[in-house]
Amino acid sequence: CIARALAVNPKLVICDEPVSALDVSIQAQIINLLKQLQNEMGLTYV
């Protein structure tokens, strides 16, 4: 889902509870991924 959203090179991404349906260990991976992509691509998150 994240790859689909970022494939069009967006400036703004609305993250609507993206980790609420995941296990705690997986949540940490997704959150770290979002932070890493933000630093690399200059993304703005809500």
ModelCIF file with pLDDT and N, C-alpha, C, O atoms, coordinates in Angstrom:
data_MODEL
#
_entry.id   MODEL 
#
_entity.id                         1 
_entity.type                       polymer 
_entity.pdbx_number_of_molecules   1 
#
_entity_poly.entity_id                      1 
_entity_poly.type                           'polypeptide(L)' 
_entity_poly.nstd_linkage                   no 
_entity_poly.nstd_monomer                   no 
_entity_poly.pdbx_seq_one_letter_code       CIARALAVNPKLVICDEPVSALDVSIQAQIINLLKQLQNEMGLTYV 
_entity_poly.pdbx_seq_one_letter_code_can   CIARALAVNPKLVICDEPVSALDVSIQAQIINLLKQLQNEMGLTYV 
_entity_poly.pdbx_strand_id                 A 
#
loop_
_entity_poly_seq.entity_id 
_entity_poly_seq.num 
_entity_poly_seq.mon_id 
_entity_poly_seq.hetero 
1 1  CYS n 
1 2  ILE n 
1 3  ALA n 
1 4  ARG n 
1 5  ALA n 
1 6  LEU n 
1 7  ALA n 
1 8  VAL n 
1 9  ASN n 
1 10 PRO n 
1 11 LYS n 
1 12 LEU n 
1 13 VAL n 
1 14 ILE n 
1 15 CYS n 
1 16 ASP n 
1 17 GLU n 
1 18 PRO n 
1 19 VAL n 
1 20 SER n 
1 21 ALA n 
1 22 LEU n 
1 23 ASP n 
1 24 VAL n 
1 25 SER n 
1 26 ILE n 
1 27 GLN n 
1 28 ALA n 
1 29 GLN n 
1 30 ILE n 
1 31 ILE n 
1 32 ASN n 
1 33 LEU n 
1 34 LEU n 
1 35 LYS n 
1 36 GLN n 
1 37 LEU n 
1 38 GLN n 
1 39 ASN n 
1 40 GLU n 
1 41 MET n 
1 42 GLY n 
1 43 LEU n 
1 44 THR n 
1 45 TYR n 
1 46 VAL n 
#
_struct_asym.id          A 
_struct_asym.entity_id   1 
#
loop_
_ma_qa_metric.id 
_ma_qa_metric.mode 
_ma_qa_metric.name 
_ma_qa_metric.software_group_id 
_ma_qa_metric.type 
1 global pLDDT . pLDDT 
2 local  pLDDT . pLDDT 
#
_ma_qa_metric_global.metric_id      1 
_ma_qa_metric_global.metric_value   92.09 
_ma_qa_metric_global.model_id       1 
_ma_qa_metric_global.ordinal_id     1 
#
loop_
_ma_qa_metric_local.label_asym_id 
_ma_qa_metric_local.label_comp_id 
_ma_qa_metric_local.label_seq_id 
_ma_qa_metric_local.metric_id 
_ma_qa_metric_local.metric_value 
_ma_qa_metric_local.model_id 
_ma_qa_metric_local.ordinal_id 
A CYS 1  2 94.00 1 1  
A ILE 2  2 95.00 1 2  
A ALA 3  2 95.00 1 3  
A ARG 4  2 94.00 1 4  
A ALA 5  2 94.00 1 5  
A LEU 6  2 94.00 1 6  
A ALA 7  2 94.00 1 7  
A VAL 8  2 94.00 1 8  
A ASN 9  2 94.00 1 9  
A PRO 10 2 95.00 1 10 
A LYS 11 2 95.00 1 11 
A LEU 12 2 96.00 1 12 
A VAL 13 2 96.00 1 13 
A ILE 14 2 96.00 1 14 
A CYS 15 2 95.00 1 15 
A ASP 16 2 93.00 1 16 
A GLU 17 2 91.00 1 17 
A PRO 18 2 91.00 1 18 
A VAL 19 2 88.00 1 19 
A SER 20 2 85.00 1 20 
A ALA 21 2 79.00 1 21 
A LEU 22 2 84.00 1 22 
A ASP 23 2 83.00 1 23 
A VAL 24 2 83.00 1 24 
A SER 25 2 83.00 1 25 
A ILE 26 2 87.00 1 26 
A GLN 27 2 88.00 1 27 
A ALA 28 2 89.00 1 28 
A GLN 29 2 91.00 1 29 
A ILE 30 2 91.00 1 30 
A ILE 31 2 93.00 1 31 
A ASN 32 2 93.00 1 32 
A LEU 33 2 93.00 1 33 
A LEU 34 2 94.00 1 34 
A LYS 35 2 94.00 1 35 
A GLN 36 2 94.00 1 36 
A LEU 37 2 94.00 1 37 
A GLN 38 2 95.00 1 38 
A ASN 39 2 94.00 1 39 
A GLU 40 2 92.00 1 40 
A MET 41 2 93.00 1 41 
A GLY 42 2 94.00 1 42 
A LEU 43 2 96.00 1 43 
A THR 44 2 96.00 1 44 
A TYR 45 2 97.00 1 45 
A VAL 46 2 97.00 1 46 
#
loop_
_atom_site.group_PDB 
_atom_site.id 
_atom_site.type_symbol 
_atom_site.label_atom_id 
_atom_site.label_alt_id 
_atom_site.label_comp_id 
_atom_site.label_asym_id 
_atom_site.label_entity_id 
_atom_site.label_seq_id 
_atom_site.pdbx_PDB_ins_code 
_atom_site.Cartn_x 
_atom_site.Cartn_y 
_atom_site.Cartn_z 
_atom_site.occupancy 
_atom_site.B_iso_or_equiv 
_atom_site.pdbx_formal_charge 
_atom_site.auth_seq_id 
_atom_site.auth_comp_id 
_atom_site.auth_asym_id 
_atom_site.auth_atom_id 
_atom_site.pdbx_PDB_model_num 
ATOM 1   N N  . CYS A 1 1  ? 0.838  -1.210 0.000  1.00 94.00 ? 1  CYS A N  1 
ATOM 2   C CA . CYS A 1 1  ? 0.000  0.000  0.000  1.00 94.00 ? 1  CYS A CA 1 
ATOM 3   C C  . CYS A 1 1  ? 0.871  1.259  0.000  1.00 94.00 ? 1  CYS A C  1 
ATOM 4   O O  . CYS A 1 1  ? 0.575  2.228  -0.699 1.00 94.00 ? 1  CYS A O  1 
ATOM 5   N N  . ILE A 1 2  ? 1.934  1.234  0.782  1.00 95.00 ? 2  ILE A N  1 
ATOM 6   C CA . ILE A 1 2  ? 2.846  2.379  0.834  1.00 95.00 ? 2  ILE A CA 1 
ATOM 7   C C  . ILE A 1 2  ? 3.543  2.561  -0.508 1.00 95.00 ? 2  ILE A C  1 
ATOM 8   O O  . ILE A 1 2  ? 3.681  3.685  -0.992 1.00 95.00 ? 2  ILE A O  1 
ATOM 9   N N  . ALA A 1 3  ? 3.986  1.450  -1.116 1.00 95.00 ? 3  ALA A N  1 
ATOM 10  C CA . ALA A 1 3  ? 4.640  1.512  -2.424 1.00 95.00 ? 3  ALA A CA 1 
ATOM 11  C C  . ALA A 1 3  ? 3.698  2.064  -3.484 1.00 95.00 ? 3  ALA A C  1 
ATOM 12  O O  . ALA A 1 3  ? 4.113  2.849  -4.337 1.00 95.00 ? 3  ALA A O  1 
ATOM 13  N N  . ARG A 1 4  ? 2.430  1.657  -3.434 1.00 94.00 ? 4  ARG A N  1 
ATOM 14  C CA . ARG A 1 4  ? 1.437  2.167  -4.384 1.00 94.00 ? 4  ARG A CA 1 
ATOM 15  C C  . ARG A 1 4  ? 1.269  3.677  -4.239 1.00 94.00 ? 4  ARG A C  1 
ATOM 16  O O  . ARG A 1 4  ? 1.176  4.391  -5.237 1.00 94.00 ? 4  ARG A O  1 
ATOM 17  N N  . ALA A 1 5  ? 1.230  4.162  -3.000 1.00 94.00 ? 5  ALA A N  1 
ATOM 18  C CA . ALA A 1 5  ? 1.061  5.598  -2.769 1.00 94.00 ? 5  ALA A CA 1 
ATOM 19  C C  . ALA A 1 5  ? 2.279  6.396  -3.227 1.00 94.00 ? 5  ALA A C  1 
ATOM 20  O O  . ALA A 1 5  ? 2.135  7.497  -3.758 1.00 94.00 ? 5  ALA A O  1 
ATOM 21  N N  . LEU A 1 6  ? 3.480  5.849  -3.023 1.00 94.00 ? 6  LEU A N  1 
ATOM 22  C CA . LEU A 1 6  ? 4.708  6.584  -3.327 1.00 94.00 ? 6  LEU A CA 1 
ATOM 23  C C  . LEU A 1 6  ? 5.157  6.446  -4.771 1.00 94.00 ? 6  LEU A C  1 
ATOM 24  O O  . LEU A 1 6  ? 6.055  7.165  -5.210 1.00 94.00 ? 6  LEU A O  1 
ATOM 25  N N  . ALA A 1 7  ? 4.540  5.525  -5.524 1.00 94.00 ? 7  ALA A N  1 
ATOM 26  C CA . ALA A 1 7  ? 4.958  5.283  -6.907 1.00 94.00 ? 7  ALA A CA 1 
ATOM 27  C C  . ALA A 1 7  ? 4.742  6.490  -7.808 1.00 94.00 ? 7  ALA A C  1 
ATOM 28  O O  . ALA A 1 7  ? 5.406  6.615  -8.838 1.00 94.00 ? 7  ALA A O  1 
ATOM 29  N N  . VAL A 1 8  ? 3.820  7.385  -7.438 1.00 94.00 ? 8  VAL A N  1 
ATOM 30  C CA . VAL A 1 8  ? 3.525  8.557  -8.268 1.00 94.00 ? 8  VAL A CA 1 
ATOM 31  C C  . VAL A 1 8  ? 4.288  9.796  -7.793 1.00 94.00 ? 8  VAL A C  1 
ATOM 32  O O  . VAL A 1 8  ? 4.000  10.909 -8.234 1.00 94.00 ? 8  VAL A O  1 
ATOM 33  N N  . ASN A 1 9  ? 5.261  9.606  -6.892 1.00 94.00 ? 9  ASN A N  1 
ATOM 34  C CA . ASN A 1 9  ? 6.097  10.703 -6.373 1.00 94.00 ? 9  ASN A CA 1 
ATOM 35  C C  . ASN A 1 9  ? 5.277  11.832 -5.750 1.00 94.00 ? 9  ASN A C  1 
ATOM 36  O O  . ASN A 1 9  ? 5.355  12.974 -6.203 1.00 94.00 ? 9  ASN A O  1 
ATOM 37  N N  . PRO A 1 10 ? 4.481  11.521 -4.701 1.00 95.00 ? 10 PRO A N  1 
ATOM 38  C CA . PRO A 1 10 ? 3.637  12.561 -4.096 1.00 95.00 ? 10 PRO A CA 1 
ATOM 39  C C  . PRO A 1 10 ? 4.439  13.513 -3.215 1.00 95.00 ? 10 PRO A C  1 
ATOM 40  O O  . PRO A 1 10 ? 5.582  13.247 -2.844 1.00 95.00 ? 10 PRO A O  1 
ATOM 41  N N  . LYS A 1 11 ? 3.788  14.642 -2.893 1.00 95.00 ? 11 LYS A N  1 
ATOM 42  C CA . LYS A 1 11 ? 4.358  15.598 -1.938 1.00 95.00 ? 11 LYS A CA 1 
ATOM 43  C C  . LYS A 1 11 ? 3.716  15.415 -0.553 1.00 95.00 ? 11 LYS A C  1 
ATOM 44  O O  . LYS A 1 11 ? 4.364  15.581 0.481  1.00 95.00 ? 11 LYS A O  1 
ATOM 45  N N  . LEU A 1 12 ? 2.428  15.069 -0.571 1.00 96.00 ? 12 LEU A N  1 
ATOM 46  C CA . LEU A 1 12 ? 1.659  14.915 0.670  1.00 96.00 ? 12 LEU A CA 1 
ATOM 47  C C  . LEU A 1 12 ? 1.076  13.515 0.731  1.00 96.00 ? 12 LEU A C  1 
ATOM 48  O O  . LEU A 1 12 ? 0.531  13.020 -0.256 1.00 96.00 ? 12 LEU A O  1 
ATOM 49  N N  . VAL A 1 13 ? 1.190  12.873 1.898  1.00 96.00 ? 13 VAL A N  1 
ATOM 50  C CA . VAL A 1 13 ? 0.595  11.547 2.112  1.00 96.00 ? 13 VAL A CA 1 
ATOM 51  C C  . VAL A 1 13 ? -0.260 11.604 3.374  1.00 96.00 ? 13 VAL A C  1 
ATOM 52  O O  . VAL A 1 13 ? 0.226  11.951 4.451  1.00 96.00 ? 13 VAL A O  1 
ATOM 53  N N  . ILE A 1 14 ? -1.546 11.257 3.228  1.00 96.00 ? 14 ILE A N  1 
ATOM 54  C CA . ILE A 1 14 ? -2.442 11.126 4.371  1.00 96.00 ? 14 ILE A CA 1 
ATOM 55  C C  . ILE A 1 14 ? -2.359 9.679  4.845  1.00 96.00 ? 14 ILE A C  1 
ATOM 56  O O  . ILE A 1 14 ? -2.749 8.765  4.118  1.00 96.00 ? 14 ILE A O  1 
ATOM 57  N N  . CYS A 1 15 ? -1.861 9.466  6.042  1.00 95.00 ? 15 CYS A N  1 
ATOM 58  C CA . CYS A 1 15 ? -1.729 8.113  6.610  1.00 95.00 ? 15 CYS A CA 1 
ATOM 59  C C  . CYS A 1 15 ? -2.875 7.891  7.584  1.00 95.00 ? 15 CYS A C  1 
ATOM 60  O O  . CYS A 1 15 ? -2.832 8.365  8.719  1.00 95.00 ? 15 CYS A O  1 
ATOM 61  N N  . ASP A 1 16 ? -3.905 7.168  7.139  1.00 93.00 ? 16 ASP A N  1 
ATOM 62  C CA . ASP A 1 16 ? -5.100 6.964  7.954  1.00 93.00 ? 16 ASP A CA 1 
ATOM 63  C C  . ASP A 1 16 ? -4.947 5.689  8.788  1.00 93.00 ? 16 ASP A C  1 
ATOM 64  O O  . ASP A 1 16 ? -5.326 4.601  8.355  1.00 93.00 ? 16 ASP A O  1 
ATOM 65  N N  . GLU A 1 17 ? -4.390 5.842  9.982  1.00 91.00 ? 17 GLU A N  1 
ATOM 66  C CA . GLU A 1 17 ? -4.140 4.727  10.896 1.00 91.00 ? 17 GLU A CA 1 
ATOM 67  C C  . GLU A 1 17 ? -3.468 3.554  10.176 1.00 91.00 ? 17 GLU A C  1 
ATOM 68  O O  . GLU A 1 17 ? -4.012 2.450  10.163 1.00 91.00 ? 17 GLU A O  1 
ATOM 69  N N  . PRO A 1 18 ? -2.301 3.779  9.581  1.00 91.00 ? 18 PRO A N  1 
ATOM 70  C CA . PRO A 1 18 ? -1.679 2.757  8.732  1.00 91.00 ? 18 PRO A CA 1 
ATOM 71  C C  . PRO A 1 18 ? -1.140 1.544  9.485  1.00 91.00 ? 18 PRO A C  1 
ATOM 72  O O  . PRO A 1 18 ? -0.817 0.535  8.857  1.00 91.00 ? 18 PRO A O  1 
ATOM 73  N N  . VAL A 1 19 ? -1.034 1.613  10.810 1.00 88.00 ? 19 VAL A N  1 
ATOM 74  C CA . VAL A 1 19 ? -0.460 0.489  11.554 1.00 88.00 ? 19 VAL A CA 1 
ATOM 75  C C  . VAL A 1 19 ? -1.431 -0.102 12.577 1.00 88.00 ? 19 VAL A C  1 
ATOM 76  O O  . VAL A 1 19 ? -1.052 -0.998 13.331 1.00 88.00 ? 19 VAL A O  1 
ATOM 77  N N  . SER A 1 20 ? -2.665 0.378  12.619 1.00 85.00 ? 20 SER A N  1 
ATOM 78  C CA . SER A 1 20 ? -3.600 -0.065 13.661 1.00 85.00 ? 20 SER A CA 1 
ATOM 79  C C  . SER A 1 20 ? -4.007 -1.526 13.504 1.00 85.00 ? 20 SER A C  1 
ATOM 80  O O  . SER A 1 20 ? -4.372 -2.169 14.489 1.00 85.00 ? 20 SER A O  1 
ATOM 81  N N  . ALA A 1 21 ? -3.950 -2.070 12.269 1.00 79.00 ? 21 ALA A N  1 
ATOM 82  C CA . ALA A 1 21 ? -4.356 -3.455 12.038 1.00 79.00 ? 21 ALA A CA 1 
ATOM 83  C C  . ALA A 1 21 ? -3.178 -4.427 12.094 1.00 79.00 ? 21 ALA A C  1 
ATOM 84  O O  . ALA A 1 21 ? -3.330 -5.601 11.755 1.00 79.00 ? 21 ALA A O  1 
ATOM 85  N N  . LEU A 1 22 ? -2.000 -3.948 12.521 1.00 84.00 ? 22 LEU A N  1 
ATOM 86  C CA . LEU A 1 22 ? -0.785 -4.767 12.495 1.00 84.00 ? 22 LEU A CA 1 
ATOM 87  C C  . LEU A 1 22 ? -0.295 -5.102 13.905 1.00 84.00 ? 22 LEU A C  1 
ATOM 88  O O  . LEU A 1 22 ? -0.637 -4.424 14.874 1.00 84.00 ? 22 LEU A O  1 
ATOM 89  N N  . ASP A 1 23 ? 0.506  -6.154 13.999 1.00 83.00 ? 23 ASP A N  1 
ATOM 90  C CA . ASP A 1 23 ? 1.131  -6.513 15.277 1.00 83.00 ? 23 ASP A CA 1 
ATOM 91  C C  . ASP A 1 23 ? 2.137  -5.440 15.684 1.00 83.00 ? 23 ASP A C  1 
ATOM 92  O O  . ASP A 1 23 ? 2.611  -4.672 14.847 1.00 83.00 ? 23 ASP A O  1 
ATOM 93  N N  . VAL A 1 24 ? 2.459  -5.393 16.977 1.00 83.00 ? 24 VAL A N  1 
ATOM 94  C CA . VAL A 1 24 ? 3.333  -4.346 17.505 1.00 83.00 ? 24 VAL A CA 1 
ATOM 95  C C  . VAL A 1 24 ? 4.707  -4.369 16.834 1.00 83.00 ? 24 VAL A C  1 
ATOM 96  O O  . VAL A 1 24 ? 5.234  -3.314 16.482 1.00 83.00 ? 24 VAL A O  1 
ATOM 97  N N  . SER A 1 25 ? 5.289  -5.543 16.654 1.00 83.00 ? 25 SER A N  1 
ATOM 98  C CA . SER A 1 25 ? 6.619  -5.631 16.037 1.00 83.00 ? 25 SER A CA 1 
ATOM 99  C C  . SER A 1 25 ? 6.592  -5.155 14.591 1.00 83.00 ? 25 SER A C  1 
ATOM 100 O O  . SER A 1 25 ? 7.538  -4.521 14.122 1.00 83.00 ? 25 SER A O  1 
ATOM 101 N N  . ILE A 1 26 ? 5.493  -5.465 13.876 1.00 87.00 ? 26 ILE A N  1 
ATOM 102 C CA . ILE A 1 26 ? 5.345  -5.028 12.484 1.00 87.00 ? 26 ILE A CA 1 
ATOM 103 C C  . ILE A 1 26 ? 5.084  -3.525 12.436 1.00 87.00 ? 26 ILE A C  1 
ATOM 104 O O  . ILE A 1 26 ? 5.543  -2.842 11.520 1.00 87.00 ? 26 ILE A O  1 
ATOM 105 N N  . GLN A 1 27 ? 4.343  -3.005 13.430 1.00 88.00 ? 27 GLN A N  1 
ATOM 106 C CA . GLN A 1 27 ? 4.087  -1.560 13.496 1.00 88.00 ? 27 GLN A CA 1 
ATOM 107 C C  . GLN A 1 27 ? 5.395  -0.784 13.509 1.00 88.00 ? 27 GLN A C  1 
ATOM 108 O O  . GLN A 1 27 ? 5.540  0.208  12.796 1.00 88.00 ? 27 GLN A O  1 
ATOM 109 N N  . ALA A 1 28 ? 6.349  -1.236 14.322 1.00 89.00 ? 28 ALA A N  1 
ATOM 110 C CA . ALA A 1 28 ? 7.643  -0.548 14.423 1.00 89.00 ? 28 ALA A CA 1 
ATOM 111 C C  . ALA A 1 28 ? 8.355  -0.529 13.073 1.00 89.00 ? 28 ALA A C  1 
ATOM 112 O O  . ALA A 1 28 ? 8.956  0.480  12.703 1.00 89.00 ? 28 ALA A O  1 
ATOM 113 N N  . GLN A 1 29 ? 8.291  -1.635 12.339 1.00 91.00 ? 29 GLN A N  1 
ATOM 114 C CA . GLN A 1 29 ? 8.932  -1.706 11.024 1.00 91.00 ? 29 GLN A CA 1 
ATOM 115 C C  . GLN A 1 29 ? 8.301  -0.697 10.053 1.00 91.00 ? 29 GLN A C  1 
ATOM 116 O O  . GLN A 1 29 ? 9.009  0.005  9.331  1.00 91.00 ? 29 GLN A O  1 
ATOM 117 N N  . ILE A 1 30 ? 6.971  -0.634 10.043 1.00 91.00 ? 30 ILE A N  1 
ATOM 118 C CA . ILE A 1 30 ? 6.276  0.270  9.117  1.00 91.00 ? 30 ILE A CA 1 
ATOM 119 C C  . ILE A 1 30 ? 6.533  1.730  9.476  1.00 91.00 ? 30 ILE A C  1 
ATOM 120 O O  . ILE A 1 30 ? 6.744  2.560  8.592  1.00 91.00 ? 30 ILE A O  1 
ATOM 121 N N  . ILE A 1 31 ? 6.515  2.045  10.767 1.00 93.00 ? 31 ILE A N  1 
ATOM 122 C CA . ILE A 1 31 ? 6.773  3.423  11.199 1.00 93.00 ? 31 ILE A CA 1 
ATOM 123 C C  . ILE A 1 31 ? 8.200  3.842  10.823 1.00 93.00 ? 31 ILE A C  1 
ATOM 124 O O  . ILE A 1 31 ? 8.411  4.948  10.327 1.00 93.00 ? 31 ILE A O  1 
ATOM 125 N N  . ASN A 1 32 ? 9.170  2.965  11.058 1.00 93.00 ? 32 ASN A N  1 
ATOM 126 C CA . ASN A 1 32 ? 10.558 3.262  10.683 1.00 93.00 ? 32 ASN A CA 1 
ATOM 127 C C  . ASN A 1 32 ? 10.690 3.427  9.169  1.00 93.00 ? 32 ASN A C  1 
ATOM 128 O O  . ASN A 1 32 ? 11.450 4.271  8.695  1.00 93.00 ? 32 ASN A O  1 
ATOM 129 N N  . LEU A 1 33 ? 9.948  2.619  8.418  1.00 93.00 ? 33 LEU A N  1 
ATOM 130 C CA . LEU A 1 33 ? 9.958  2.739  6.958  1.00 93.00 ? 33 LEU A CA 1 
ATOM 131 C C  . LEU A 1 33 ? 9.404  4.094  6.521  1.00 93.00 ? 33 LEU A C  1 
ATOM 132 O O  . LEU A 1 33 ? 9.971  4.746  5.643  1.00 93.00 ? 33 LEU A O  1 
ATOM 133 N N  . LEU A 1 34 ? 8.297  4.517  7.134  1.00 94.00 ? 34 LEU A N  1 
ATOM 134 C CA . LEU A 1 34 ? 7.695  5.814  6.787  1.00 94.00 ? 34 LEU A CA 1 
ATOM 135 C C  . LEU A 1 34 ? 8.660  6.965  7.083  1.00 94.00 ? 34 LEU A C  1 
ATOM 136 O O  . LEU A 1 34 ? 8.773  7.901  6.291  1.00 94.00 ? 34 LEU A O  1 
ATOM 137 N N  . LYS A 1 35 ? 9.351  6.897  8.215  1.00 94.00 ? 35 LYS A N  1 
ATOM 138 C CA . LYS A 1 35 ? 10.323 7.946  8.561  1.00 94.00 ? 35 LYS A CA 1 
ATOM 139 C C  . LYS A 1 35 ? 11.500 7.952  7.581  1.00 94.00 ? 35 LYS A C  1 
ATOM 140 O O  . LYS A 1 35 ? 11.971 9.012  7.168  1.00 94.00 ? 35 LYS A O  1 
ATOM 141 N N  . GLN A 1 36 ? 11.959 6.771  7.221  1.00 94.00 ? 36 GLN A N  1 
ATOM 142 C CA . GLN A 1 36 ? 13.073 6.666  6.281  1.00 94.00 ? 36 GLN A CA 1 
ATOM 143 C C  . GLN A 1 36 ? 12.694 7.235  4.919  1.00 94.00 ? 36 GLN A C  1 
ATOM 144 O O  . GLN A 1 36 ? 13.466 7.979  4.315  1.00 94.00 ? 36 GLN A O  1 
ATOM 145 N N  . LEU A 1 37 ? 11.494 6.881  4.433  1.00 94.00 ? 37 LEU A N  1 
ATOM 146 C CA . LEU A 1 37 ? 11.027 7.384  3.135  1.00 94.00 ? 37 LEU A CA 1 
ATOM 147 C C  . LEU A 1 37 ? 10.811 8.894  3.176  1.00 94.00 ? 37 LEU A C  1 
ATOM 148 O O  . LEU A 1 37 ? 11.050 9.585  2.186  1.00 94.00 ? 37 LEU A O  1 
ATOM 149 N N  . GLN A 1 38 ? 10.363 9.398  4.311  1.00 95.00 ? 38 GLN A N  1 
ATOM 150 C CA . GLN A 1 38 ? 10.180 10.849 4.452  1.00 95.00 ? 38 GLN A CA 1 
ATOM 151 C C  . GLN A 1 38 ? 11.514 11.577 4.309  1.00 95.00 ? 38 GLN A C  1 
ATOM 152 O O  . GLN A 1 38 ? 11.598 12.606 3.640  1.00 95.00 ? 38 GLN A O  1 
ATOM 153 N N  . ASN A 1 39 ? 12.543 11.043 4.934  1.00 94.00 ? 39 ASN A N  1 
ATOM 154 C CA . ASN A 1 39 ? 13.875 11.657 4.848  1.00 94.00 ? 39 ASN A CA 1 
ATOM 155 C C  . ASN A 1 39 ? 14.444 11.574 3.435  1.00 94.00 ? 39 ASN A C  1 
ATOM 156 O O  . ASN A 1 39 ? 15.100 12.506 2.970  1.00 94.00 ? 39 ASN A O  1 
ATOM 157 N N  . GLU A 1 40 ? 14.194 10.460 2.754  1.00 92.00 ? 40 GLU A N  1 
ATOM 158 C CA . GLU A 1 40 ? 14.755 10.261 1.418  1.00 92.00 ? 40 GLU A CA 1 
ATOM 159 C C  . GLU A 1 40 ? 14.008 11.044 0.340  1.00 92.00 ? 40 GLU A C  1 
ATOM 160 O O  . GLU A 1 40 ? 14.617 11.546 -0.604 1.00 92.00 ? 40 GLU A O  1 
ATOM 161 N N  . MET A 1 41 ? 12.686 11.147 0.486  1.00 93.00 ? 41 MET A N  1 
ATOM 162 C CA . MET A 1 41 ? 11.860 11.743 -0.571 1.00 93.00 ? 41 MET A CA 1 
ATOM 163 C C  . MET A 1 41 ? 11.293 13.105 -0.203 1.00 93.00 ? 41 MET A C  1 
ATOM 164 O O  . MET A 1 41 ? 10.636 13.731 -1.034 1.00 93.00 ? 41 MET A O  1 
ATOM 165 N N  . GLY A 1 42 ? 11.528 13.589 1.029  1.00 94.00 ? 42 GLY A N  1 
ATOM 166 C CA . GLY A 1 42 ? 11.020 14.893 1.441  1.00 94.00 ? 42 GLY A CA 1 
ATOM 167 C C  . GLY A 1 42 ? 9.509  14.935 1.565  1.00 94.00 ? 42 GLY A C  1 
ATOM 168 O O  . GLY A 1 42 ? 8.891  15.955 1.261  1.00 94.00 ? 42 GLY A O  1 
ATOM 169 N N  . LEU A 1 43 ? 8.906  13.836 2.009  1.00 96.00 ? 43 LEU A N  1 
ATOM 170 C CA . LEU A 1 43 ? 7.447  13.732 2.090  1.00 96.00 ? 43 LEU A CA 1 
ATOM 171 C C  . LEU A 1 43 ? 6.878  14.520 3.270  1.00 96.00 ? 43 LEU A C  1 
ATOM 172 O O  . LEU A 1 43 ? 7.549  14.740 4.279  1.00 96.00 ? 43 LEU A O  1 
ATOM 173 N N  . THR A 1 44 ? 5.622  14.936 3.110  1.00 96.00 ? 44 THR A N  1 
ATOM 174 C CA . THR A 1 44 ? 4.874  15.576 4.189  1.00 96.00 ? 44 THR A CA 1 
ATOM 175 C C  . THR A 1 44 ? 3.734  14.645 4.572  1.00 96.00 ? 44 THR A C  1 
ATOM 176 O O  . THR A 1 44 ? 2.987  14.190 3.706  1.00 96.00 ? 44 THR A O  1 
ATOM 177 N N  . TYR A 1 45 ? 3.593  14.360 5.862  1.00 97.00 ? 45 TYR A N  1 
ATOM 178 C CA . TYR A 1 45 ? 2.576  13.417 6.334  1.00 97.00 ? 45 TYR A CA 1 
ATOM 179 C C  . TYR A 1 45 ? 1.513  14.109 7.171  1.00 97.00 ? 45 TYR A C  1 
ATOM 180 O O  . TYR A 1 45 ? 1.809  14.995 7.973  1.00 97.00 ? 45 TYR A O  1 
ATOM 181 N N  . VAL A 1 46 ? 0.270  13.687 6.970  1.00 97.00 ? 46 VAL A N  1 
ATOM 182 C CA . VAL A 1 46 ? -0.798 13.897 7.949  1.00 97.00 ? 46 VAL A CA 1 
ATOM 183 C C  . VAL A 1 46 ? -1.078 12.514 8.507  1.00 97.00 ? 46 VAL A C  1 
ATOM 184 O O  . VAL A 1 46 ? -1.944 12.359 9.369  1.00 97.00 ? 46 VAL A O  1 
#
